[in-house]
N, C-alpha and C. Protein backbone atom coordinates (compact mmCIF):
# COMPACT_ATOMS: atom_id res chain seq x y z
N MET A 1 -7.99 -4.99 27.11
CA MET A 1 -8.03 -6.51 26.33
C MET A 1 -6.83 -6.49 25.66
N SER A 2 -6.01 -7.62 25.71
CA SER A 2 -4.95 -8.15 25.24
C SER A 2 -5.45 -8.56 23.36
N ILE A 3 -4.17 -8.69 23.15
CA ILE A 3 -3.93 -8.94 21.77
C ILE A 3 -4.92 -10.18 21.57
N THR A 4 -4.53 -11.01 22.69
CA THR A 4 -5.11 -12.41 21.96
C THR A 4 -6.60 -12.56 22.47
N GLN A 5 -7.10 -11.29 22.93
CA GLN A 5 -8.64 -11.34 23.75
C GLN A 5 -9.21 -10.07 22.95
N THR A 6 -9.44 -10.37 21.41
CA THR A 6 -9.72 -9.19 20.87
C THR A 6 -11.59 -9.40 20.65
N ALA A 7 -12.03 -8.36 20.48
CA ALA A 7 -13.53 -8.79 20.44
C ALA A 7 -13.53 -8.93 19.03
N PRO A 8 -14.87 -9.73 18.89
CA PRO A 8 -14.78 -10.67 17.77
C PRO A 8 -15.41 -9.76 16.49
N VAL A 9 -15.06 -9.87 15.21
CA VAL A 9 -15.50 -9.17 14.33
C VAL A 9 -16.67 -10.17 13.24
N SER A 10 -17.67 -9.33 13.11
CA SER A 10 -18.74 -10.31 12.06
C SER A 10 -17.96 -10.83 10.83
N SER A 11 -18.40 -11.80 10.49
CA SER A 11 -17.82 -12.40 9.13
C SER A 11 -18.04 -11.52 7.96
N GLY A 12 -19.11 -10.51 8.01
CA GLY A 12 -19.23 -9.47 6.97
C GLY A 12 -18.05 -8.51 6.75
N ALA A 13 -17.82 -8.00 8.18
CA ALA A 13 -16.64 -7.07 8.20
C ALA A 13 -15.15 -7.76 7.86
N GLN A 14 -15.34 -8.87 8.24
CA GLN A 14 -13.69 -9.87 7.81
C GLN A 14 -13.77 -9.94 6.38
N TRP A 15 -14.69 -10.37 5.45
CA TRP A 15 -14.79 -10.61 3.91
C TRP A 15 -14.78 -8.88 3.48
N THR A 16 -15.18 -7.82 3.98
CA THR A 16 -14.96 -6.61 3.47
C THR A 16 -13.51 -6.22 3.74
N GLY A 17 -12.91 -6.50 4.69
CA GLY A 17 -11.40 -6.23 5.19
C GLY A 17 -10.55 -7.17 3.98
N ARG A 18 -11.05 -8.41 3.66
CA ARG A 18 -10.19 -9.05 2.52
C ARG A 18 -10.67 -8.32 1.31
N ALA A 19 -11.99 -8.08 1.01
CA ALA A 19 -11.99 -7.11 -0.45
C ALA A 19 -11.06 -5.86 -0.35
N LEU A 20 -11.13 -5.16 0.45
CA LEU A 20 -10.15 -3.87 0.63
C LEU A 20 -8.67 -4.31 0.70
N SER A 21 -8.43 -5.30 1.05
CA SER A 21 -7.15 -5.63 1.02
C SER A 21 -6.67 -6.09 -0.31
N ALA A 22 -7.61 -6.90 -1.05
CA ALA A 22 -7.21 -7.26 -2.31
C ALA A 22 -7.07 -6.44 -3.51
N ILE A 23 -8.15 -5.35 -3.34
CA ILE A 23 -8.12 -4.03 -4.06
C ILE A 23 -6.39 -3.52 -4.22
N ILE A 24 -5.75 -3.47 -3.00
CA ILE A 24 -4.65 -2.90 -2.54
C ILE A 24 -3.63 -3.69 -3.27
N VAL A 25 -3.78 -5.27 -2.98
CA VAL A 25 -2.69 -6.20 -3.49
C VAL A 25 -2.92 -6.03 -5.00
N LEU A 26 -4.26 -6.27 -5.57
CA LEU A 26 -3.98 -5.88 -6.84
C LEU A 26 -3.48 -4.99 -7.59
N PHE A 27 -3.82 -3.48 -7.17
CA PHE A 27 -3.25 -2.57 -7.62
C PHE A 27 -1.81 -2.75 -7.51
N MET A 28 -1.00 -2.77 -6.40
CA MET A 28 0.41 -2.97 -6.42
C MET A 28 1.07 -3.99 -7.40
N ILE A 29 0.30 -4.92 -7.36
CA ILE A 29 0.78 -6.03 -8.23
C ILE A 29 0.93 -5.61 -9.85
N PHE A 30 -0.15 -4.81 -10.19
CA PHE A 30 0.08 -4.07 -11.31
C PHE A 30 1.22 -2.98 -11.40
N ASP A 31 1.32 -1.98 -10.64
CA ASP A 31 2.11 -1.04 -10.31
C ASP A 31 3.44 -1.64 -10.33
N GLY A 32 3.45 -2.63 -9.75
CA GLY A 32 5.02 -3.38 -9.48
C GLY A 32 5.66 -3.98 -11.00
N VAL A 33 4.65 -5.02 -11.38
CA VAL A 33 4.71 -5.64 -12.55
C VAL A 33 5.22 -4.52 -13.85
N ILE A 34 4.57 -3.59 -13.79
CA ILE A 34 5.10 -2.65 -15.31
C ILE A 34 5.89 -2.03 -14.85
N LYS A 35 6.47 -2.25 -13.90
CA LYS A 35 8.02 -1.23 -13.99
C LYS A 35 8.91 -2.33 -13.73
N LEU A 36 8.49 -3.88 -13.94
CA LEU A 36 10.05 -4.43 -14.19
C LEU A 36 10.56 -4.54 -15.48
N PRO A 37 9.69 -4.29 -16.68
CA PRO A 37 10.47 -4.48 -17.81
C PRO A 37 11.29 -3.35 -18.15
N PRO A 38 11.01 -2.31 -17.88
CA PRO A 38 9.98 -1.36 -17.77
C PRO A 38 9.26 -0.64 -18.87
N MET A 39 8.03 -0.83 -18.63
CA MET A 39 7.32 -0.08 -19.84
C MET A 39 7.66 1.24 -20.38
N ASP A 40 7.60 1.56 -21.50
CA ASP A 40 7.74 3.26 -21.91
C ASP A 40 7.06 4.05 -21.10
N ILE A 41 5.65 3.69 -20.72
CA ILE A 41 5.11 4.70 -19.96
C ILE A 41 5.55 5.23 -19.04
N VAL A 42 6.28 3.95 -18.19
CA VAL A 42 6.98 4.41 -16.74
C VAL A 42 7.59 4.87 -17.10
N THR A 43 8.99 4.82 -18.02
CA THR A 43 10.15 5.73 -18.03
C THR A 43 9.76 6.97 -18.22
N GLN A 44 8.71 7.35 -19.12
CA GLN A 44 8.28 8.87 -19.37
C GLN A 44 7.65 9.24 -18.11
N THR A 45 6.79 8.56 -17.35
CA THR A 45 6.53 9.03 -16.18
C THR A 45 7.52 9.61 -15.04
N MET A 46 8.19 8.46 -15.32
CA MET A 46 9.23 8.92 -13.84
C MET A 46 10.17 10.20 -14.42
N THR A 47 10.08 10.54 -15.62
CA THR A 47 11.39 11.37 -15.94
C THR A 47 10.54 12.76 -15.82
N GLN A 48 9.11 12.63 -15.64
CA GLN A 48 8.02 13.91 -15.79
C GLN A 48 7.94 14.03 -14.07
N LEU A 49 8.43 13.07 -13.16
CA LEU A 49 8.31 13.32 -11.83
C LEU A 49 9.74 13.35 -11.41
N GLY A 50 10.68 13.80 -12.24
CA GLY A 50 11.99 13.88 -11.59
C GLY A 50 12.78 12.91 -11.38
N TRP A 51 12.55 11.36 -11.61
CA TRP A 51 13.35 10.39 -11.07
C TRP A 51 14.21 9.98 -12.50
N PRO A 52 15.15 10.00 -12.45
CA PRO A 52 15.82 8.91 -13.59
C PRO A 52 15.35 8.22 -14.32
N ALA A 53 15.48 8.18 -15.52
CA ALA A 53 14.39 7.27 -16.63
C ALA A 53 15.43 6.07 -16.99
N GLU A 54 16.38 5.54 -16.35
CA GLU A 54 16.98 4.54 -16.21
C GLU A 54 15.96 3.37 -15.82
N PRO A 55 15.87 2.09 -16.82
CA PRO A 55 15.23 0.96 -16.06
C PRO A 55 15.74 0.52 -15.09
N ASN A 56 16.89 0.42 -14.50
CA ASN A 56 17.03 -0.11 -13.19
C ASN A 56 16.54 0.81 -12.05
N SER A 57 16.21 1.99 -12.36
CA SER A 57 15.45 2.60 -11.03
C SER A 57 13.98 2.11 -10.77
N ALA A 58 13.39 1.92 -12.03
CA ALA A 58 12.01 1.37 -12.20
C ALA A 58 12.03 0.27 -11.87
N ARG A 59 12.77 -0.75 -12.24
CA ARG A 59 12.83 -2.40 -11.59
C ARG A 59 13.00 -2.39 -10.29
N LEU A 60 13.56 -1.08 -9.53
CA LEU A 60 13.96 -1.31 -8.14
C LEU A 60 12.88 -1.28 -7.68
N LEU A 61 12.00 0.08 -8.01
CA LEU A 61 10.73 0.24 -7.17
C LEU A 61 9.84 -0.72 -7.58
N GLY A 62 9.54 -1.28 -8.68
CA GLY A 62 8.81 -2.52 -8.85
C GLY A 62 9.12 -3.37 -8.00
N VAL A 63 10.48 -3.79 -7.67
CA VAL A 63 10.80 -5.04 -6.72
C VAL A 63 10.39 -4.63 -5.31
N ILE A 64 10.46 -3.14 -4.81
CA ILE A 64 10.09 -3.01 -3.36
C ILE A 64 8.74 -2.96 -3.37
N GLY A 65 8.28 -2.47 -4.50
CA GLY A 65 6.33 -2.31 -4.27
C GLY A 65 5.98 -3.83 -4.31
N LEU A 66 6.68 -4.94 -5.13
CA LEU A 66 5.93 -6.27 -4.95
C LEU A 66 6.38 -7.07 -3.84
N VAL A 67 7.76 -6.77 -3.41
CA VAL A 67 7.85 -7.63 -2.11
C VAL A 67 7.13 -6.91 -0.92
N SER A 68 7.08 -5.81 -0.59
CA SER A 68 6.06 -5.05 0.47
C SER A 68 4.52 -5.40 0.18
N THR A 69 4.27 -5.62 -1.04
CA THR A 69 2.81 -6.05 -1.16
C THR A 69 2.73 -7.87 -1.10
N ALA A 70 3.72 -8.64 -1.27
CA ALA A 70 3.71 -10.02 -0.87
C ALA A 70 3.57 -9.91 0.72
N LEU A 71 4.37 -9.33 1.54
CA LEU A 71 4.19 -9.20 2.77
C LEU A 71 3.12 -9.17 3.31
N TYR A 72 2.57 -7.91 2.82
CA TYR A 72 1.03 -7.39 2.99
C TYR A 72 0.00 -8.75 3.24
N ALA A 73 0.30 -9.36 2.05
CA ALA A 73 -0.92 -10.35 1.50
C ALA A 73 -0.93 -11.41 2.54
N LEU A 74 0.62 -11.83 3.04
CA LEU A 74 0.38 -12.92 4.00
C LEU A 74 0.14 -12.47 5.20
N PRO A 75 -0.72 -13.45 5.91
CA PRO A 75 -1.19 -13.04 7.00
C PRO A 75 -0.20 -12.88 8.35
N ARG A 76 1.06 -13.68 8.16
CA ARG A 76 1.88 -13.57 9.18
C ARG A 76 2.65 -12.41 9.29
N SER A 77 2.86 -11.66 7.85
CA SER A 77 3.80 -10.79 7.71
C SER A 77 3.06 -9.51 7.26
N SER A 78 1.81 -9.32 7.47
CA SER A 78 0.86 -8.36 6.90
C SER A 78 0.97 -6.98 7.53
N VAL A 79 1.50 -7.03 8.82
CA VAL A 79 1.80 -5.63 9.51
C VAL A 79 3.00 -4.91 9.04
N LEU A 80 3.78 -6.00 8.89
CA LEU A 80 5.35 -5.60 8.04
C LEU A 80 4.94 -4.57 6.86
N GLY A 81 4.10 -5.50 5.83
CA GLY A 81 3.92 -5.25 4.71
C GLY A 81 3.27 -3.89 4.58
N ALA A 82 2.14 -4.05 5.77
CA ALA A 82 1.37 -2.66 5.76
C ALA A 82 2.17 -1.62 6.06
N ILE A 83 3.22 -1.30 6.78
CA ILE A 83 4.34 -0.34 7.17
C ILE A 83 5.14 -0.06 6.10
N LEU A 84 5.51 -0.94 5.25
CA LEU A 84 6.46 -0.97 4.16
C LEU A 84 5.62 -0.18 2.76
N LEU A 85 4.26 -0.39 2.57
CA LEU A 85 3.44 -0.08 1.60
C LEU A 85 3.20 1.42 1.99
N THR A 86 3.04 1.61 3.07
CA THR A 86 2.87 3.02 3.89
C THR A 86 3.93 4.05 3.62
N ALA A 87 5.01 3.69 3.86
CA ALA A 87 6.42 4.29 3.42
C ALA A 87 6.35 4.44 2.00
N TYR A 88 6.29 3.31 1.41
CA TYR A 88 6.51 3.46 -0.31
C TYR A 88 5.34 4.51 -1.05
N MET A 89 4.19 4.71 -0.26
CA MET A 89 3.33 5.70 -0.70
C MET A 89 3.61 7.10 0.01
N GLY A 90 4.08 6.84 1.09
CA GLY A 90 4.76 8.24 1.34
C GLY A 90 5.56 8.67 0.48
N GLY A 91 6.46 8.12 0.06
CA GLY A 91 7.65 8.30 -1.28
C GLY A 91 6.88 9.06 -2.43
N ALA A 92 5.82 8.30 -2.99
CA ALA A 92 5.16 8.79 -3.85
C ALA A 92 4.48 10.35 -3.75
N ILE A 93 3.83 10.47 -2.28
CA ILE A 93 3.25 11.66 -1.85
C ILE A 93 4.05 12.83 -1.79
N ALA A 94 5.49 12.40 -1.33
CA ALA A 94 6.59 13.48 -1.42
C ALA A 94 6.97 13.99 -2.77
N THR A 95 7.01 12.90 -3.77
CA THR A 95 7.27 13.31 -4.98
C THR A 95 6.31 14.27 -5.95
N HIS A 96 4.86 14.05 -5.39
CA HIS A 96 3.71 14.63 -5.86
C HIS A 96 3.82 16.14 -5.26
N VAL A 97 4.33 16.30 -4.11
CA VAL A 97 4.16 17.47 -3.73
C VAL A 97 5.48 18.33 -3.96
N ARG A 98 6.76 17.61 -4.27
CA ARG A 98 7.83 18.14 -4.93
C ARG A 98 7.77 18.90 -6.26
N ILE A 99 6.69 18.27 -7.23
CA ILE A 99 6.78 18.64 -8.30
C ILE A 99 5.27 19.61 -8.71
N GLY A 100 4.50 19.79 -7.85
CA GLY A 100 3.36 20.20 -7.70
C GLY A 100 2.11 19.76 -8.27
N SER A 101 2.16 18.53 -8.08
CA SER A 101 0.74 18.08 -8.79
C SER A 101 -0.14 18.47 -8.18
N PRO A 102 -1.61 18.14 -8.55
CA PRO A 102 -2.74 18.30 -8.15
C PRO A 102 -3.13 17.69 -6.69
N LEU A 103 -3.78 18.43 -5.61
CA LEU A 103 -3.98 17.87 -4.27
C LEU A 103 -4.44 16.63 -4.43
N PHE A 104 -5.89 16.77 -4.70
CA PHE A 104 -6.96 15.46 -4.73
C PHE A 104 -6.66 14.38 -5.23
N SER A 105 -6.10 14.59 -6.77
CA SER A 105 -6.09 13.28 -7.56
C SER A 105 -4.60 12.95 -7.56
N HIS A 106 -3.82 13.41 -7.21
CA HIS A 106 -2.39 13.04 -7.39
C HIS A 106 -1.83 12.89 -5.88
N ILE A 107 -1.70 14.04 -5.47
CA ILE A 107 -0.78 14.07 -3.72
C ILE A 107 -1.97 13.21 -3.20
N LEU A 108 -3.32 13.52 -2.60
CA LEU A 108 -3.66 12.86 -1.84
C LEU A 108 -3.87 11.10 -2.09
N PHE A 109 -3.55 10.52 -3.48
CA PHE A 109 -3.94 9.33 -4.03
C PHE A 109 -3.08 8.12 -3.08
N GLY A 110 -2.15 8.43 -2.75
CA GLY A 110 -1.22 7.65 -1.68
C GLY A 110 -2.15 7.37 -0.29
N VAL A 111 -2.40 8.73 0.25
CA VAL A 111 -3.44 8.89 1.24
C VAL A 111 -4.41 7.82 0.86
N TYR A 112 -5.57 7.96 0.03
CA TYR A 112 -6.57 7.49 -0.28
C TYR A 112 -6.35 5.80 -0.23
N LEU A 113 -4.85 5.49 -0.59
CA LEU A 113 -4.34 4.03 -0.68
C LEU A 113 -4.04 3.53 0.66
N GLY A 114 -3.70 4.32 1.49
CA GLY A 114 -3.11 4.06 2.62
C GLY A 114 -4.39 3.99 3.70
N ILE A 115 -5.61 4.36 3.55
CA ILE A 115 -6.55 4.52 4.32
C ILE A 115 -7.49 3.21 3.97
N ILE A 116 -7.26 2.87 2.55
CA ILE A 116 -7.83 1.23 1.86
C ILE A 116 -7.24 0.26 2.79
N LEU A 117 -5.71 0.20 2.49
CA LEU A 117 -4.79 -0.46 2.99
C LEU A 117 -5.02 -0.94 4.69
N TRP A 118 -5.11 0.40 5.65
CA TRP A 118 -5.15 0.04 6.97
C TRP A 118 -6.66 -0.50 7.26
N GLY A 119 -7.68 0.22 6.40
CA GLY A 119 -9.04 -0.12 6.95
C GLY A 119 -8.89 -1.83 6.41
N GLY A 120 -8.58 -2.14 5.59
CA GLY A 120 -8.68 -3.81 5.26
C GLY A 120 -8.11 -4.60 6.38
N LEU A 121 -6.82 -4.05 6.86
CA LEU A 121 -6.32 -4.95 7.54
C LEU A 121 -6.81 -4.95 8.93
N LEU A 122 -7.21 -3.63 9.36
CA LEU A 122 -8.01 -3.46 10.66
C LEU A 122 -9.26 -4.67 10.74
N LEU A 123 -10.02 -4.90 9.52
CA LEU A 123 -11.11 -5.46 9.36
C LEU A 123 -10.68 -7.10 9.22
N ARG A 124 -9.57 -7.34 8.59
CA ARG A 124 -8.93 -8.86 8.69
C ARG A 124 -8.35 -9.08 9.86
N ASP A 125 -7.70 -8.65 10.88
CA ASP A 125 -6.62 -8.71 11.48
C ASP A 125 -6.95 -8.41 12.86
N PRO A 126 -7.18 -9.72 13.92
CA PRO A 126 -7.30 -9.36 15.32
C PRO A 126 -6.07 -8.62 15.92
N ARG A 127 -5.36 -8.88 15.52
CA ARG A 127 -3.96 -8.20 16.36
C ARG A 127 -3.81 -6.61 15.99
N VAL A 128 -4.24 -6.34 14.90
CA VAL A 128 -4.29 -5.02 14.66
C VAL A 128 -5.54 -4.08 15.03
N ARG A 129 -6.66 -4.94 15.28
CA ARG A 129 -7.80 -4.49 15.69
C ARG A 129 -7.13 -3.94 17.37
N ALA A 130 -6.93 -5.07 18.10
CA ALA A 130 -6.40 -4.96 19.40
C ALA A 130 -5.64 -4.09 19.77
N LEU A 131 -4.50 -3.38 18.53
CA LEU A 131 -3.46 -2.70 18.81
C LEU A 131 -4.40 -1.20 18.67
N LEU A 132 -5.07 -0.91 17.59
CA LEU A 132 -5.93 0.17 17.49
C LEU A 132 -7.12 0.32 17.98
N SER A 133 -7.40 -0.35 18.96
CA SER A 133 -8.90 -0.34 19.68
C SER A 133 -9.00 1.12 19.74
N PHE A 134 -10.31 1.24 19.74
CA PHE A 134 -10.68 2.84 20.23
C PHE A 134 -11.45 2.95 21.56
N THR A 135 -11.62 1.63 22.00
CA THR A 135 -12.37 1.53 23.28
C THR A 135 -11.40 1.01 24.00
N ARG A 136 -11.79 1.16 25.52
CA ARG A 136 -10.88 0.63 26.57
C ARG A 136 -11.58 -1.11 27.16
């Protein structure tokens, strides 16, 4: 089955995909926006995580997250956005592994977000369904 001939997905599955994607978009907008000023809690947390406490570091991470999120939200660039957000979350996972954070609440949080991100994209984008098809 080619990319243009994907199996149809139900309306409910498409809406579920949109809802899952909306959760990621809203979370990442919040995450990016609080890093732009940056808020005191952001600089304190960055220090605890071993990142520089300077505002420009937080702003750079915020901009990267927001641009990646915008790409994910737009249908034409959603796959690129998903790849960039996956990399962004990989950096967060690596940071938490490096400082010895708790496994299920901190280290795997990026994995949980990645599953929601790709699950939402899989349900709402026929190109991704064709690419990741588990049937022949």
